[in-house]
């Protein structure tokens, strides 16, 4: 038995998004390095909320959301004409591969012509390459290479960003306090540097009787007081930072429990 919930986070917004794209007349395609059997299990779970066990079997209803589905693509070389392997059609029930004329009459994704198009099976239309939006989660293999080689528009999916945004919002007051403490620390440091510069000049002035010892001691006392204040602020900053790290651990743990 395969329990997809242990490895995949269910997202109920996927199917409405695909339906919206289809209803708006846009063509959709899926290209994955996973083989057909695994892809079918995952897509059944994501699109049909269906898991594989003894009483429930996978179906192929999710295919209606895509014009083209390519499995075992061996990305990123799949998108390069010189490295692309031969295309075979998959017999859905058995998963067996059927010989084709290198994909024909199946849809061909991309072309080497100056103005390449994405041909759609069963449709009398084609879309220019610059109208393609390619969505992926790999910065180099999915995003940079597709943009540079094919000229497609790209969108990077960063699942971790959602939690990052939640953490930033939860810790916004703590981060504000840390910024204030850093600013206060920098301000005190500037004053200390200025006083030390004044003390250095005072020593030279005392030699020429232009600066009294009392005034020098006053500057020295002010400098010592500022150094003590700086150490207090530094300690407060360290404590706040430590508390912030502990809060991050707790929040991440709570988010994981919710998931």
C-alpha atoms as a PDB file:
ATOM      1  CA  UNK A   1       0.000   0.000   0.000  1.00  0.00           C
ATOM      2  CA  UNK A   2       1.273   3.473  -0.898  1.00  0.00           C
ATOM      3  CA  UNK A   3       0.396   6.249   1.529  1.00  0.00           C
ATOM      4  CA  UNK A   4       0.919   9.440  -0.465  1.00  0.00           C
ATOM      5  CA  UNK A   5      -0.039  11.633   2.483  1.00  0.00           C
ATOM      6  CA  UNK A   6       3.251  10.724   4.169  1.00  0.00           C
ATOM      7  CA  UNK A   7       5.280  12.286   1.374  1.00  0.00           C
ATOM      8  CA  UNK A   8       3.061  14.829  -0.395  1.00  0.00           C
ATOM      9  CA  UNK A   9       1.258  17.859   0.989  1.00  0.00           C
ATOM     10  CA  UNK A  10      -2.297  18.002  -0.304  1.00  0.00           C
ATOM     11  CA  UNK A  11      -3.206  21.267  -2.012  1.00  0.00           C
ATOM     12  CA  UNK A  12      -6.891  21.775  -2.738  1.00  0.00           C
ATOM     13  CA  UNK A  13      -6.189  24.809  -4.933  1.00  0.00           C
ATOM     14  CA  UNK A  14      -4.512  22.816  -7.734  1.00  0.00           C
ATOM     15  CA  UNK A  15      -7.662  21.519  -9.439  1.00  0.00           C
ATOM     16  CA  UNK A  16      -9.527  24.882  -9.355  1.00  0.00           C
ATOM     17  CA  UNK A  17      -6.456  26.527 -10.864  1.00  0.00           C
ATOM     18  CA  UNK A  18      -6.241  23.941 -13.662  1.00  0.00           C
ATOM     19  CA  UNK A  19      -9.978  24.255 -14.328  1.00  0.00           C
ATOM     20  CA  UNK A  20      -9.644  28.022 -14.523  1.00  0.00           C
ATOM     21  CA  UNK A  21      -6.819  27.711 -17.052  1.00  0.00           C
ATOM     22  CA  UNK A  22      -8.798  25.238 -19.150  1.00  0.00           C
ATOM     23  CA  UNK A  23     -11.994  27.299 -19.019  1.00  0.00           C
ATOM     24  CA  UNK A  24     -10.082  30.369 -20.172  1.00  0.00           C
ATOM     25  CA  UNK A  25      -8.969  28.523 -23.306  1.00  0.00           C
ATOM     26  CA  UNK A  26      -5.345  28.108 -22.310  1.00  0.00           C
ATOM     27  CA  UNK A  27      -3.450  24.923 -23.099  1.00  0.00           C
ATOM     28  CA  UNK A  28      -1.601  23.132 -20.319  1.00  0.00           C
ATOM     29  CA  UNK A  29       1.184  20.562 -20.388  1.00  0.00           C
ATOM     30  CA  UNK A  30       3.006  18.512 -17.772  1.00  0.00           C
ATOM     31  CA  UNK A  31       6.658  17.523 -18.168  1.00  0.00           C
ATOM     32  CA  UNK A  32       8.207  15.419 -15.412  1.00  0.00           C
ATOM     33  CA  UNK A  33      11.238  13.217 -14.926  1.00  0.00           C
ATOM     34  CA  UNK A  34       9.111  10.712 -13.007  1.00  0.00           C
ATOM     35  CA  UNK A  35       7.959   7.606 -14.857  1.00  0.00           C
ATOM     36  CA  UNK A  36       4.313   6.989 -15.722  1.00  0.00           C
ATOM     37  CA  UNK A  37       3.382   4.681 -12.835  1.00  0.00           C
ATOM     38  CA  UNK A  38       4.669   7.082 -10.178  1.00  0.00           C
ATOM     39  CA  UNK A  39       3.261  10.132 -11.964  1.00  0.00           C
ATOM     40  CA  UNK A  40      -0.180   8.530 -12.118  1.00  0.00           C
ATOM     41  CA  UNK A  41      -0.171   7.841  -8.374  1.00  0.00           C
ATOM     42  CA  UNK A  42       0.934  11.365  -7.497  1.00  0.00           C
ATOM     43  CA  UNK A  43      -1.535  13.069  -9.838  1.00  0.00           C
ATOM     44  CA  UNK A  44      -4.388  10.893  -8.574  1.00  0.00           C
ATOM     45  CA  UNK A  45      -3.606  12.096  -5.087  1.00  0.00           C
ATOM     46  CA  UNK A  46      -3.210  15.759  -6.060  1.00  0.00           C
ATOM     47  CA  UNK A  47      -6.160  16.017  -8.452  1.00  0.00           C
ATOM     48  CA  UNK A  48      -8.540  13.358  -7.160  1.00  0.00           C
ATOM     49  CA  UNK A  49      -7.531  13.149  -3.465  1.00  0.00           C
ATOM     50  CA  UNK A  50      -7.212   9.443  -4.180  1.00  0.00           C
ATOM     51  CA  UNK A  51      -4.712   7.163  -2.478  1.00  0.00           C
ATOM     52  CA  UNK A  52      -3.737   3.693  -3.573  1.00  0.00           C
ATOM     53  CA  UNK A  53      -4.867   0.874  -1.322  1.00  0.00           C
ATOM     54  CA  UNK A  54      -6.591  -2.454  -1.647  1.00  0.00           C
ATOM     55  CA  UNK A  55     -10.045  -1.031  -2.370  1.00  0.00           C
ATOM     56  CA  UNK A  56      -9.308   2.081  -4.408  1.00  0.00           C
ATOM     57  CA  UNK A  57      -7.401   2.118  -7.667  1.00  0.00           C
ATOM     58  CA  UNK A  58      -5.929   4.962  -9.646  1.00  0.00           C
ATOM     59  CA  UNK A  59      -7.869   6.342 -12.574  1.00  0.00           C
ATOM     60  CA  UNK A  60      -6.933   8.647 -15.407  1.00  0.00           C
ATOM     61  CA  UNK A  61      -9.426  11.457 -14.817  1.00  0.00           C
ATOM     62  CA  UNK A  62      -6.623  13.901 -14.051  1.00  0.00           C
ATOM     63  CA  UNK A  63      -5.445  13.717 -17.667  1.00  0.00           C
ATOM     64  CA  UNK A  64      -8.379  15.910 -18.693  1.00  0.00           C
ATOM     65  CA  UNK A  65      -6.597  18.876 -17.131  1.00  0.00           C
ATOM     66  CA  UNK A  66      -3.673  18.662 -19.588  1.00  0.00           C
ATOM     67  CA  UNK A  67      -3.251  18.782 -23.351  1.00  0.00           C
ATOM     68  CA  UNK A  68       0.139  17.076 -23.189  1.00  0.00           C
ATOM     69  CA  UNK A  69       1.683  14.873 -20.488  1.00  0.00           C
ATOM     70  CA  UNK A  70       5.309  13.773 -20.824  1.00  0.00           C
ATOM     71  CA  UNK A  71       6.823  11.420 -18.237  1.00  0.00           C
ATOM     72  CA  UNK A  72      10.398  10.176 -17.894  1.00  0.00           C
ATOM     73  CA  UNK A  73      11.530  13.274 -19.757  1.00  0.00           C
ATOM     74  CA  UNK A  74      15.092  13.407 -18.369  1.00  0.00           C
ATOM     75  CA  UNK A  75      15.015  17.165 -17.950  1.00  0.00           C
ATOM     76  CA  UNK A  76      16.791  19.444 -18.613  1.00  0.00           C
ATOM     77  CA  UNK A  77      18.266  17.664 -21.660  1.00  0.00           C
ATOM     78  CA  UNK A  78      14.728  16.965 -22.903  1.00  0.00           C
ATOM     79  CA  UNK A  79      14.401  20.582 -24.005  1.00  0.00           C
ATOM     80  CA  UNK A  80      17.542  20.455 -26.147  1.00  0.00           C
ATOM     81  CA  UNK A  81      17.104  19.018 -29.633  1.00  0.00           C
ATOM     82  CA  UNK A  82      20.567  17.465 -29.669  1.00  0.00           C
ATOM     83  CA  UNK A  83      20.096  15.567 -26.396  1.00  0.00           C
ATOM     84  CA  UNK A  84      16.441  14.587 -26.565  1.00  0.00           C
ATOM     85  CA  UNK A  85      15.654  10.879 -26.397  1.00  0.00           C
ATOM     86  CA  UNK A  86      13.036   9.227 -28.590  1.00  0.00           C
ATOM     87  CA  UNK A  87       9.412   9.729 -27.594  1.00  0.00           C
ATOM     88  CA  UNK A  88       7.067   6.815 -26.936  1.00  0.00           C
ATOM     89  CA  UNK A  89       3.371   6.714 -26.223  1.00  0.00           C
ATOM     90  CA  UNK A  90       2.285   5.135 -22.932  1.00  0.00           C
ATOM     91  CA  UNK A  91      -0.461   2.543 -22.822  1.00  0.00           C
ATOM     92  CA  UNK A  92      -2.334   3.847 -19.792  1.00  0.00           C
ATOM     93  CA  UNK A  93      -3.615   0.638 -18.247  1.00  0.00           C
ATOM     94  CA  UNK A  94      -0.439  -1.426 -18.492  1.00  0.00           C
ATOM     95  CA  UNK A  95       2.149   1.332 -18.600  1.00  0.00           C
ATOM     96  CA  UNK A  96       3.730  -0.311 -21.650  1.00  0.00           C
ATOM     97  CA  UNK A  97       5.477   1.883 -24.211  1.00  0.00           C
ATOM     98  CA  UNK A  98       4.190   2.077 -27.769  1.00  0.00           C
ATOM     99  CA  UNK A  99       6.448   2.963 -30.663  1.00  0.00           C
ATOM    100  CA  UNK A 100       5.708   6.226 -32.445  1.00  0.00           C
ATOM    101  CA  UNK A 101       7.393   8.205 -35.161  1.00  0.00           C
ATOM    102  CA  UNK A 102       9.454   9.930 -32.461  1.00  0.00           C
ATOM    103  CA  UNK A 103       6.294  11.279 -30.905  1.00  0.00           C
ATOM    104  CA  UNK A 104       4.160  11.856 -34.005  1.00  0.00           C
ATOM    105  CA  UNK A 105       1.259  12.308 -34.197  1.00  0.00           C
ATOM    106  CA  UNK A 106       1.588  13.281 -30.531  1.00  0.00           C
ATOM    107  CA  UNK A 107       2.094  16.915 -29.656  1.00  0.00           C
ATOM    108  CA  UNK A 108       5.590  18.266 -30.105  1.00  0.00           C
ATOM    109  CA  UNK A 109       6.748  20.653 -27.400  1.00  0.00           C
ATOM    110  CA  UNK A 110       8.946  23.343 -28.902  1.00  0.00           C
ATOM    111  CA  UNK A 111      10.750  23.582 -32.213  1.00  0.00           C
ATOM    112  CA  UNK A 112      14.067  24.759 -33.614  1.00  0.00           C
ATOM    113  CA  UNK A 113      12.475  27.196 -36.075  1.00  0.00           C
ATOM    114  CA  UNK A 114      13.060  30.951 -35.665  1.00  0.00           C
ATOM    115  CA  UNK A 115       9.510  31.405 -34.369  1.00  0.00           C
ATOM    116  CA  UNK A 116       8.807  28.073 -32.641  1.00  0.00           C
ATOM    117  CA  UNK A 117       5.303  27.055 -31.665  1.00  0.00           C
ATOM    118  CA  UNK A 118       3.687  24.626 -29.259  1.00  0.00           C
ATOM    119  CA  UNK A 119       1.415  22.366 -31.322  1.00  0.00           C
ATOM    120  CA  UNK A 120      -1.612  21.013 -29.520  1.00  0.00           C
ATOM    121  CA  UNK A 121      -3.091  17.608 -30.213  1.00  0.00           C
ATOM    122  CA  UNK A 122      -6.704  17.756 -31.325  1.00  0.00           C
ATOM    123  CA  UNK A 123      -6.693  21.551 -31.595  1.00  0.00           C
ATOM    124  CA  UNK A 124      -6.410  23.727 -34.678  1.00  0.00           C
ATOM    125  CA  UNK A 125      -4.238  26.334 -33.068  1.00  0.00           C
ATOM    126  CA  UNK A 126      -0.690  26.915 -31.967  1.00  0.00           C
ATOM    127  CA  UNK A 127       0.837  29.311 -29.472  1.00  0.00           C
ATOM    128  CA  UNK A 128       4.040  31.237 -29.977  1.00  0.00           C
ATOM    129  CA  UNK A 129       6.887  30.284 -27.656  1.00  0.00           C
ATOM    130  CA  UNK A 130       6.959  33.655 -25.920  1.00  0.00           C
ATOM    131  CA  UNK A 131       3.359  32.980 -24.840  1.00  0.00           C
ATOM    132  CA  UNK A 132       4.405  29.862 -22.912  1.00  0.00           C
ATOM    133  CA  UNK A 133       4.584  30.146 -19.127  1.00  0.00           C
ATOM    134  CA  UNK A 134       6.750  27.363 -17.708  1.00  0.00           C
ATOM    135  CA  UNK A 135       6.355  26.653 -13.986  1.00  0.00           C
ATOM    136  CA  UNK A 136       9.100  24.819 -12.110  1.00  0.00           C
ATOM    137  CA  UNK A 137      10.926  24.544  -8.804  1.00  0.00           C
ATOM    138  CA  UNK A 138      14.549  24.231  -9.979  1.00  0.00           C
ATOM    139  CA  UNK A 139      16.280  27.565 -10.512  1.00  0.00           C
ATOM    140  CA  UNK A 140      18.784  26.351 -13.111  1.00  0.00           C
ATOM    141  CA  UNK A 141      17.105  23.367 -14.766  1.00  0.00           C
ATOM    142  CA  UNK A 142      13.594  24.816 -14.918  1.00  0.00           C
ATOM    143  CA  UNK A 143      13.911  28.580 -14.833  1.00  0.00           C
ATOM    144  CA  UNK A 144      17.220  29.858 -16.213  1.00  0.00           C
ATOM    145  CA  UNK A 145      17.649  27.255 -18.943  1.00  0.00           C
ATOM    146  CA  UNK A 146      14.050  27.530 -20.189  1.00  0.00           C
ATOM    147  CA  UNK A 147      14.321  31.297 -20.370  1.00  0.00           C
ATOM    148  CA  UNK A 148      17.724  31.313 -22.041  1.00  0.00           C
ATOM    149  CA  UNK A 149      17.357  28.402 -24.468  1.00  0.00           C
ATOM    150  CA  UNK A 150      13.657  28.489 -25.385  1.00  0.00           C
ATOM    151  CA  UNK A 151      12.705  32.055 -24.557  1.00  0.00           C
ATOM    152  CA  UNK A 152       9.758  30.930 -22.433  1.00  0.00           C
ATOM    153  CA  UNK A 153       8.386  32.981 -19.618  1.00  0.00           C
ATOM    154  CA  UNK A 154       9.078  31.189 -16.357  1.00  0.00           C
ATOM    155  CA  UNK A 155       7.682  31.066 -12.840  1.00  0.00           C
ATOM    156  CA  UNK A 156       9.635  29.671  -9.895  1.00  0.00           C
ATOM    157  CA  UNK A 157       7.730  27.772  -7.209  1.00  0.00           C
ATOM    158  CA  UNK A 158       9.260  28.168  -3.736  1.00  0.00           C
ATOM    159  CA  UNK A 159       7.133  26.187  -1.244  1.00  0.00           C
ATOM    160  CA  UNK A 160       9.305  27.243   1.697  1.00  0.00           C
ATOM    161  CA  UNK A 161       8.509  30.901   1.041  1.00  0.00           C
ATOM    162  CA  UNK A 162       5.033  30.571   2.554  1.00  0.00           C
ATOM    163  CA  UNK A 163       6.466  29.573   5.922  1.00  0.00           C
ATOM    164  CA  UNK A 164       9.113  32.269   5.668  1.00  0.00           C
ATOM    165  CA  UNK A 165       6.409  34.901   5.222  1.00  0.00           C
ATOM    166  CA  UNK A 166       4.438  33.502   8.162  1.00  0.00           C
ATOM    167  CA  UNK A 167       7.545  33.549  10.353  1.00  0.00           C
ATOM    168  CA  UNK A 168       8.389  37.107   9.350  1.00  0.00           C
ATOM    169  CA  UNK A 169       4.882  38.202  10.284  1.00  0.00           C
ATOM    170  CA  UNK A 170       4.882  36.372  13.617  1.00  0.00           C
ATOM    171  CA  UNK A 171       8.301  37.777  14.533  1.00  0.00           C
ATOM    172  CA  UNK A 172       7.775  41.283  13.171  1.00  0.00           C
ATOM    173  CA  UNK A 173       7.873  42.916  16.640  1.00  0.00           C
ATOM    174  CA  UNK A 174      11.022  41.021  17.602  1.00  0.00           C
ATOM    175  CA  UNK A 175      12.748  41.993  14.355  1.00  0.00           C
ATOM    176  CA  UNK A 176      11.780  45.612  14.955  1.00  0.00           C
ATOM    177  CA  UNK A 177      13.282  45.459  18.441  1.00  0.00           C
ATOM    178  CA  UNK A 178      16.484  43.947  17.044  1.00  0.00           C
ATOM    179  CA  UNK A 179      16.777  46.747  14.492  1.00  0.00           C
ATOM    180  CA  UNK A 180      16.310  49.391  17.195  1.00  0.00           C
ATOM    181  CA  UNK A 181      18.966  47.769  19.377  1.00  0.00           C
ATOM    182  CA  UNK A 182      21.406  47.583  16.462  1.00  0.00           C
ATOM    183  CA  UNK A 183      20.798  51.244  15.650  1.00  0.00           C
ATOM    184  CA  UNK A 184      21.309  52.200  19.290  1.00  0.00           C
ATOM    185  CA  UNK A 185      24.510  50.153  19.422  1.00  0.00           C
ATOM    186  CA  UNK A 186      25.852  51.841  16.274  1.00  0.00           C
ATOM    187  CA  UNK A 187      25.005  55.287  17.648  1.00  0.00           C
ATOM    188  CA  UNK A 188      26.859  54.603  20.900  1.00  0.00           C
ATOM    189  CA  UNK A 189      29.839  53.237  18.965  1.00  0.00           C
ATOM    190  CA  UNK A 190      30.015  56.467  16.966  1.00  0.00           C
ATOM    191  CA  UNK A 191      30.017  58.520  20.173  1.00  0.00           C
ATOM    192  CA  UNK A 192      32.750  56.340  21.674  1.00  0.00           C
ATOM    193  CA  UNK A 193      34.934  56.738  18.589  1.00  0.00           C
ATOM    194  CA  UNK A 194      34.425  60.496  18.698  1.00  0.00           C
ATOM    195  CA  UNK A 195      35.357  60.676  22.401  1.00  0.00           C
ATOM    196  CA  UNK A 196      38.433  58.494  21.908  1.00  0.00           C
ATOM    197  CA  UNK A 197      39.535  60.767  19.102  1.00  0.00           C
ATOM    198  CA  UNK A 198      39.020  63.760  21.426  1.00  0.00           C
ATOM    199  CA  UNK A 199      41.005  62.038  24.191  1.00  0.00           C
ATOM    200  CA  UNK A 200      43.843  61.317  21.802  1.00  0.00           C
ATOM    201  CA  UNK A 201      44.009  64.985  20.870  1.00  0.00           C
ATOM    202  CA  UNK A 202      43.649  65.982  24.540  1.00  0.00           C
ATOM    203  CA  UNK A 203      46.896  64.235  25.429  1.00  0.00           C
ATOM    204  CA  UNK A 204      48.723  66.358  22.895  1.00  0.00           C
ATOM    205  CA  UNK A 205      47.003  69.526  24.114  1.00  0.00           C
ATOM    206  CA  UNK A 206      47.910  68.825  27.754  1.00  0.00           C
ATOM    207  CA  UNK A 207      51.561  68.779  26.763  1.00  0.00           C
ATOM    208  CA  UNK A 208      51.183  72.342  25.498  1.00  0.00           C
ATOM    209  CA  UNK A 209      48.995  73.350  28.500  1.00  0.00           C
ATOM    210  CA  UNK A 210      46.046  73.970  26.181  1.00  0.00           C
ATOM    211  CA  UNK A 211      43.886  71.279  27.796  1.00  0.00           C
ATOM    212  CA  UNK A 212      43.398  70.624  31.520  1.00  0.00           C
ATOM    213  CA  UNK A 213      43.710  67.236  33.181  1.00  0.00           C
ATOM    214  CA  UNK A 214      40.208  67.666  34.622  1.00  0.00           C
ATOM    215  CA  UNK A 215      38.732  68.016  31.168  1.00  0.00           C
ATOM    216  CA  UNK A 216      40.624  64.935  30.054  1.00  0.00           C
ATOM    217  CA  UNK A 217      39.253  62.941  32.999  1.00  0.00           C
ATOM    218  CA  UNK A 218      35.756  64.152  32.159  1.00  0.00           C
ATOM    219  CA  UNK A 219      36.080  62.865  28.597  1.00  0.00           C
ATOM    220  CA  UNK A 220      37.485  59.589  29.881  1.00  0.00           C
ATOM    221  CA  UNK A 221      34.545  59.152  32.275  1.00  0.00           C
ATOM    222  CA  UNK A 222      32.054  59.848  29.490  1.00  0.00           C
ATOM    223  CA  UNK A 223      33.805  57.303  27.310  1.00  0.00           C
ATOM    224  CA  UNK A 224      33.700  54.658  30.053  1.00  0.00           C
ATOM    225  CA  UNK A 225      29.998  55.322  30.631  1.00  0.00           C
ATOM    226  CA  UNK A 226      29.268  54.944  26.930  1.00  0.00           C
ATOM    227  CA  UNK A 227      31.250  51.707  26.755  1.00  0.00           C
ATOM    228  CA  UNK A 228      29.217  50.340  29.661  1.00  0.00           C
ATOM    229  CA  UNK A 229      25.999  51.414  27.916  1.00  0.00           C
ATOM    230  CA  UNK A 230      27.195  49.803  24.686  1.00  0.00           C
ATOM    231  CA  UNK A 231      27.852  46.513  26.484  1.00  0.00           C
ATOM    232  CA  UNK A 232      24.363  46.628  27.990  1.00  0.00           C
ATOM    233  CA  UNK A 233      22.781  47.177  24.582  1.00  0.00           C
ATOM    234  CA  UNK A 234      24.913  44.410  23.076  1.00  0.00           C
ATOM    235  CA  UNK A 235      23.797  42.014  25.799  1.00  0.00           C
ATOM    236  CA  UNK A 236      20.137  42.980  25.255  1.00  0.00           C
ATOM    237  CA  UNK A 237      20.566  42.389  21.515  1.00  0.00           C
ATOM    238  CA  UNK A 238      22.091  38.955  22.114  1.00  0.00           C
ATOM    239  CA  UNK A 239      19.271  38.005  24.467  1.00  0.00           C
ATOM    240  CA  UNK A 240      16.606  39.158  22.014  1.00  0.00           C
ATOM    241  CA  UNK A 241      18.308  37.300  19.180  1.00  0.00           C
ATOM    242  CA  UNK A 242      18.450  34.132  21.265  1.00  0.00           C
ATOM    243  CA  UNK A 243      14.749  34.455  22.093  1.00  0.00           C
ATOM    244  CA  UNK A 244      14.006  35.024  18.402  1.00  0.00           C
ATOM    245  CA  UNK A 245      15.789  31.800  17.449  1.00  0.00           C
ATOM    246  CA  UNK A 246      13.861  29.888  20.097  1.00  0.00           C
ATOM    247  CA  UNK A 247      10.580  31.317  18.806  1.00  0.00           C
ATOM    248  CA  UNK A 248      11.495  30.253  15.262  1.00  0.00           C
ATOM    249  CA  UNK A 249      12.063  26.674  16.428  1.00  0.00           C
ATOM    250  CA  UNK A 250       8.730  26.629  18.270  1.00  0.00           C
ATOM    251  CA  UNK A 251       6.807  28.140  15.350  1.00  0.00           C
ATOM    252  CA  UNK A 252       8.342  25.723  12.850  1.00  0.00           C
ATOM    253  CA  UNK A 253       7.468  22.810  15.113  1.00  0.00           C
ATOM    254  CA  UNK A 254       3.866  24.017  15.440  1.00  0.00           C
ATOM    255  CA  UNK A 255       3.584  24.470  11.657  1.00  0.00           C
ATOM    256  CA  UNK A 256       4.893  20.957  11.122  1.00  0.00           C
ATOM    257  CA  UNK A 257       2.329  19.573  13.567  1.00  0.00           C
ATOM    258  CA  UNK A 258      -0.469  21.359  11.698  1.00  0.00           C
ATOM    259  CA  UNK A 259       0.732  19.948   8.376  1.00  0.00           C
END
